[in-house]
Structures are given as structure tokens and as C-alpha cells.
Amino acid sequence: MPNRPLPRFPEPDTEPFWEATKRGELAYQQCNRCNSLVFTPRAHCDTCGSPDLAWKVSKGEGVIYSVSVVVDRNGDYAVAYIDLDEGFRMFSTVVGVDEPMKNLQCGQRVRVEFEPQEESEYLIPVFRLV
């Protein structure tokens, strides 16, 4: 995949997420007040509004919730919502699949990998079938 846009730093809400990618970690937040999971990163809990959030590290495994294949002249690629085992959902690319229209479906297990970007130390989380 070509380089993807990254936030401009400093960016207090998402910078810990991006710093974790440099360590090969998929980070998410959990509210210390109501225990709700928070993803995408933000300054407060979506459920109770508390700013008391803790950063956690996902094991990076889950299942495809929904998938769409983009047909491109440079080759087809798949984007998907992934339900991570910890209980949050994220949008990403599924890589390493020949003929994604035939070989990807909801419910398949995936694991996170981190893709380098030119001229950036930050990595992009992508998923591969397990």
C-alpha cells in the first residue's frame, strides 16, 4: 500500500496510539470510571464522559466483522472492520490475501501486523489472516 496520511504531532489524543505502533503494539483506551473501552483514541469516555482513561495494549487478534474489496488498476485490496478480542472494533486493511473477493469473509480470524511508512517512524496497523 502507498504511504498513508498521519496526524501532525503534537496531537495529545492520538499520539500515545502512534507511539505504540513504533513498538509494534496496538493500543486502545479503557475508562477508569465505568470500564468502557474507548477506540478511536480521544480525550474522554464516550459512555460516561470521564477524562480518566488508561492506555492498554491489545494482543492484536480478532475477527473480520465486515469486509469490502476495492478494485484498483494496481491490484485489488481489502478493507475491513475488525472486532478485536478485547472488545473494540477498528477499521483497517487486510493484507496478504490472493483474490480477496474469493478468499475473505466475515468471521475469519486475523492478527495485527505493522506496516512501515516512507519517511516516518510511525507504523500503520494492518491485519493478516491467521
C-alpha atoms as a PDB file:
ATOM      1  CA  MET A   1       0.000   0.000   0.000  1.00  0.00           C
ATOM      2  CA  PRO A   2       1.214   3.531  -0.599  1.00  0.00           C
ATOM      3  CA  ASN A   3       2.048   5.795   2.294  1.00  0.00           C
ATOM      4  CA  ARG A   4      -0.977   6.856   4.270  1.00  0.00           C
ATOM      5  CA  PRO A   5      -1.586  10.219   5.890  1.00  0.00           C
ATOM      6  CA  LEU A   6      -0.612  10.507   9.532  1.00  0.00           C
ATOM      7  CA  PRO A   7      -1.639  13.120  12.094  1.00  0.00           C
ATOM      8  CA  ARG A   8       0.506  16.158  12.699  1.00  0.00           C
ATOM      9  CA  PHE A   9       2.210  15.979  16.062  1.00  0.00           C
ATOM     10  CA  PRO A  10       1.954  17.042  18.807  1.00  0.00           C
ATOM     11  CA  GLU A  11      -1.575  15.588  18.897  1.00  0.00           C
ATOM     12  CA  PRO A  12      -2.495  14.767  22.512  1.00  0.00           C
ATOM     13  CA  ASP A  13      -5.466  12.465  21.898  1.00  0.00           C
ATOM     14  CA  THR A  14      -3.831  10.042  19.436  1.00  0.00           C
ATOM     15  CA  GLU A  15      -0.085  10.437  19.937  1.00  0.00           C
ATOM     16  CA  PRO A  16       0.146   7.570  22.510  1.00  0.00           C
ATOM     17  CA  PHE A  17      -1.542   5.297  19.935  1.00  0.00           C
ATOM     18  CA  TRP A  18       1.021   6.220  17.269  1.00  0.00           C
ATOM     19  CA  GLU A  19       3.928   5.938  19.706  1.00  0.00           C
ATOM     20  CA  ALA A  20       2.765   2.385  20.496  1.00  0.00           C
ATOM     21  CA  THR A  21       2.918   1.479  16.800  1.00  0.00           C
ATOM     22  CA  LYS A  22       6.646   2.208  16.848  1.00  0.00           C
ATOM     23  CA  ARG A  23       6.943  -0.577  19.457  1.00  0.00           C
ATOM     24  CA  GLY A  24       4.749  -2.948  17.433  1.00  0.00           C
ATOM     25  CA  GLU A  25       1.831  -2.513  19.837  1.00  0.00           C
ATOM     26  CA  LEU A  26      -1.849  -1.903  19.126  1.00  0.00           C
ATOM     27  CA  ALA A  27      -3.050   0.487  21.833  1.00  0.00           C
ATOM     28  CA  TYR A  28      -6.573   1.325  22.960  1.00  0.00           C
ATOM     29  CA  GLN A  29      -8.092   3.091  25.949  1.00  0.00           C
ATOM     30  CA  GLN A  30     -10.294   1.988  28.825  1.00  0.00           C
ATOM     31  CA  CYS A  31     -12.249   4.265  31.113  1.00  0.00           C
ATOM     32  CA  ASN A  32     -11.139   4.080  34.747  1.00  0.00           C
ATOM     33  CA  ARG A  33     -14.583   5.270  35.890  1.00  0.00           C
ATOM     34  CA  CYS A  34     -17.031   2.994  34.014  1.00  0.00           C
ATOM     35  CA  ASN A  35     -14.627   0.429  32.441  1.00  0.00           C
ATOM     36  CA  SER A  36     -15.897   1.098  28.893  1.00  0.00           C
ATOM     37  CA  LEU A  37     -13.464   0.527  26.047  1.00  0.00           C
ATOM     38  CA  VAL A  38     -12.603   3.593  24.002  1.00  0.00           C
ATOM     39  CA  PHE A  39     -11.446   3.405  20.390  1.00  0.00           C
ATOM     40  CA  THR A  40     -10.589   5.520  18.422  1.00  0.00           C
ATOM     41  CA  PRO A  41      -8.359   7.407  20.860  1.00  0.00           C
ATOM     42  CA  ARG A  42      -9.864  10.519  22.426  1.00  0.00           C
ATOM     43  CA  ALA A  43      -9.733  12.757  25.470  1.00  0.00           C
ATOM     44  CA  HIS A  44     -12.845  11.406  27.229  1.00  0.00           C
ATOM     45  CA  CYS A  45     -15.030   8.325  27.576  1.00  0.00           C
ATOM     46  CA  ASP A  46     -17.903   8.068  25.097  1.00  0.00           C
ATOM     47  CA  THR A  47     -20.069   6.346  27.680  1.00  0.00           C
ATOM     48  CA  CYS A  48     -19.738   8.468  30.829  1.00  0.00           C
ATOM     49  CA  GLY A  49     -17.723  11.495  29.682  1.00  0.00           C
ATOM     50  CA  SER A  50     -14.877  10.922  32.131  1.00  0.00           C
ATOM     51  CA  PRO A  51     -11.415  12.138  31.103  1.00  0.00           C
ATOM     52  CA  ASP A  52      -9.850   9.398  33.297  1.00  0.00           C
ATOM     53  CA  LEU A  53      -8.703   6.970  30.595  1.00  0.00           C
ATOM     54  CA  ALA A  54      -5.970   4.338  30.777  1.00  0.00           C
ATOM     55  CA  TRP A  55      -3.951   3.088  27.821  1.00  0.00           C
ATOM     56  CA  LYS A  56      -3.971  -0.696  27.279  1.00  0.00           C
ATOM     57  CA  VAL A  57      -2.211  -2.920  24.747  1.00  0.00           C
ATOM     58  CA  SER A  58      -4.283  -5.304  22.643  1.00  0.00           C
ATOM     59  CA  LYS A  59      -2.955  -8.737  21.777  1.00  0.00           C
ATOM     60  CA  GLY A  60      -3.904  -7.724  18.223  1.00  0.00           C
ATOM     61  CA  GLU A  61      -6.155 -10.657  17.369  1.00  0.00           C
ATOM     62  CA  GLY A  62      -9.774 -10.674  16.307  1.00  0.00           C
ATOM     63  CA  VAL A  63     -12.277 -11.480  13.587  1.00  0.00           C
ATOM     64  CA  ILE A  64     -13.445  -9.741  10.449  1.00  0.00           C
ATOM     65  CA  TYR A  65     -16.789  -8.082  11.195  1.00  0.00           C
ATOM     66  CA  SER A  66     -17.326  -6.784   7.646  1.00  0.00           C
ATOM     67  CA  VAL A  67     -15.103  -6.563   4.599  1.00  0.00           C
ATOM     68  CA  SER A  68     -15.071  -4.678   1.326  1.00  0.00           C
ATOM     69  CA  VAL A  69     -12.766  -5.206  -1.627  1.00  0.00           C
ATOM     70  CA  VAL A  70     -11.515  -2.179  -3.527  1.00  0.00           C
ATOM     71  CA  VAL A  71     -10.866  -2.917  -7.188  1.00  0.00           C
ATOM     72  CA  ASP A  72      -7.888  -0.878  -8.346  1.00  0.00           C
ATOM     73  CA  ARG A  73      -5.840  -0.934 -11.525  1.00  0.00           C
ATOM     74  CA  ASN A  74      -2.777  -1.668  -9.371  1.00  0.00           C
ATOM     75  CA  GLY A  75      -4.475  -4.664  -7.750  1.00  0.00           C
ATOM     76  CA  ASP A  76      -7.463  -5.386  -5.557  1.00  0.00           C
ATOM     77  CA  TYR A  77      -7.185  -4.796  -1.819  1.00  0.00           C
ATOM     78  CA  ALA A  78      -9.444  -5.377   1.155  1.00  0.00           C
ATOM     79  CA  VAL A  79     -10.541  -3.032   3.916  1.00  0.00           C
ATOM     80  CA  ALA A  80     -12.436  -4.334   6.910  1.00  0.00           C
ATOM     81  CA  TYR A  81     -13.895  -3.641  10.290  1.00  0.00           C
ATOM     82  CA  ILE A  82     -12.091  -5.903  12.738  1.00  0.00           C
ATOM     83  CA  ASP A  83     -13.625  -6.931  16.065  1.00  0.00           C
ATOM     84  CA  LEU A  84     -10.632  -7.248  18.388  1.00  0.00           C
ATOM     85  CA  ASP A  85     -10.776  -9.889  21.116  1.00  0.00           C
ATOM     86  CA  GLU A  86     -10.604  -7.206  23.815  1.00  0.00           C
ATOM     87  CA  GLY A  87     -13.992  -5.857  22.656  1.00  0.00           C
ATOM     88  CA  PHE A  88     -13.341  -2.858  20.417  1.00  0.00           C
ATOM     89  CA  ARG A  89     -13.743  -2.515  16.658  1.00  0.00           C
ATOM     90  CA  MET A  90     -11.335  -0.848  14.259  1.00  0.00           C
ATOM     91  CA  PHE A  91     -11.140  -0.183  10.533  1.00  0.00           C
ATOM     92  CA  SER A  92      -8.043  -1.346   8.688  1.00  0.00           C
ATOM     93  CA  THR A  93      -6.621  -3.123   5.671  1.00  0.00           C
ATOM     94  CA  VAL A  94      -6.376  -6.909   5.365  1.00  0.00           C
ATOM     95  CA  VAL A  95      -3.102  -7.801   3.651  1.00  0.00           C
ATOM     96  CA  GLY A  96      -1.542 -10.890   2.085  1.00  0.00           C
ATOM     97  CA  VAL A  97      -4.698 -12.347   0.561  1.00  0.00           C
ATOM     98  CA  ASP A  98      -4.691 -13.577  -3.025  1.00  0.00           C
ATOM     99  CA  GLU A  99      -8.032 -12.833  -4.691  1.00  0.00           C
ATOM    100  CA  PRO A 100      -9.617 -11.107  -1.690  1.00  0.00           C
ATOM    101  CA  MET A 101     -13.112 -11.218  -3.268  1.00  0.00           C
ATOM    102  CA  LYS A 102     -12.984 -15.026  -3.133  1.00  0.00           C
ATOM    103  CA  ASN A 103     -10.836 -15.601  -0.071  1.00  0.00           C
ATOM    104  CA  LEU A 104     -12.105 -13.163   2.567  1.00  0.00           C
ATOM    105  CA  GLN A 105     -15.295 -13.415   4.564  1.00  0.00           C
ATOM    106  CA  CYS A 106     -16.827 -12.255   7.809  1.00  0.00           C
ATOM    107  CA  GLY A 107     -15.803 -14.255  10.859  1.00  0.00           C
ATOM    108  CA  GLN A 108     -12.282 -15.116   9.714  1.00  0.00           C
ATOM    109  CA  ARG A 109      -9.554 -14.741  12.355  1.00  0.00           C
ATOM    110  CA  VAL A 110      -6.908 -12.081  11.811  1.00  0.00           C
ATOM    111  CA  ARG A 111      -3.797 -10.785  13.591  1.00  0.00           C
ATOM    112  CA  VAL A 112      -2.303  -7.311  13.510  1.00  0.00           C
ATOM    113  CA  GLU A 113       0.961  -6.513  11.748  1.00  0.00           C
ATOM    114  CA  PHE A 114       2.637  -3.142  11.393  1.00  0.00           C
ATOM    115  CA  GLU A 115       3.458  -1.673   8.015  1.00  0.00           C
ATOM    116  CA  PRO A 116       6.282   0.870   7.675  1.00  0.00           C
ATOM    117  CA  GLN A 117       5.741   4.232   6.017  1.00  0.00           C
ATOM    118  CA  GLU A 118       8.345   6.066   3.968  1.00  0.00           C
ATOM    119  CA  GLU A 119       9.856   8.997   5.803  1.00  0.00           C
ATOM    120  CA  SER A 120       8.030   8.208   9.055  1.00  0.00           C
ATOM    121  CA  GLU A 121       8.924   6.312  12.183  1.00  0.00           C
ATOM    122  CA  TYR A 122       5.242   5.541  12.805  1.00  0.00           C
ATOM    123  CA  LEU A 123       3.797   2.252  11.573  1.00  0.00           C
ATOM    124  CA  ILE A 124       0.322   1.512  10.231  1.00  0.00           C
ATOM    125  CA  PRO A 125      -1.602  -1.366  11.819  1.00  0.00           C
ATOM    126  CA  VAL A 126      -2.873  -3.811   9.170  1.00  0.00           C
ATOM    127  CA  PHE A 127      -4.280  -7.300   9.568  1.00  0.00           C
ATOM    128  CA  ARG A 128      -3.447 -10.709   8.105  1.00  0.00           C
ATOM    129  CA  LEU A 129      -5.405 -13.968   8.222  1.00  0.00           C
ATOM    130  CA  VAL A 130      -4.176 -16.431  10.862  1.00  0.00           C
END
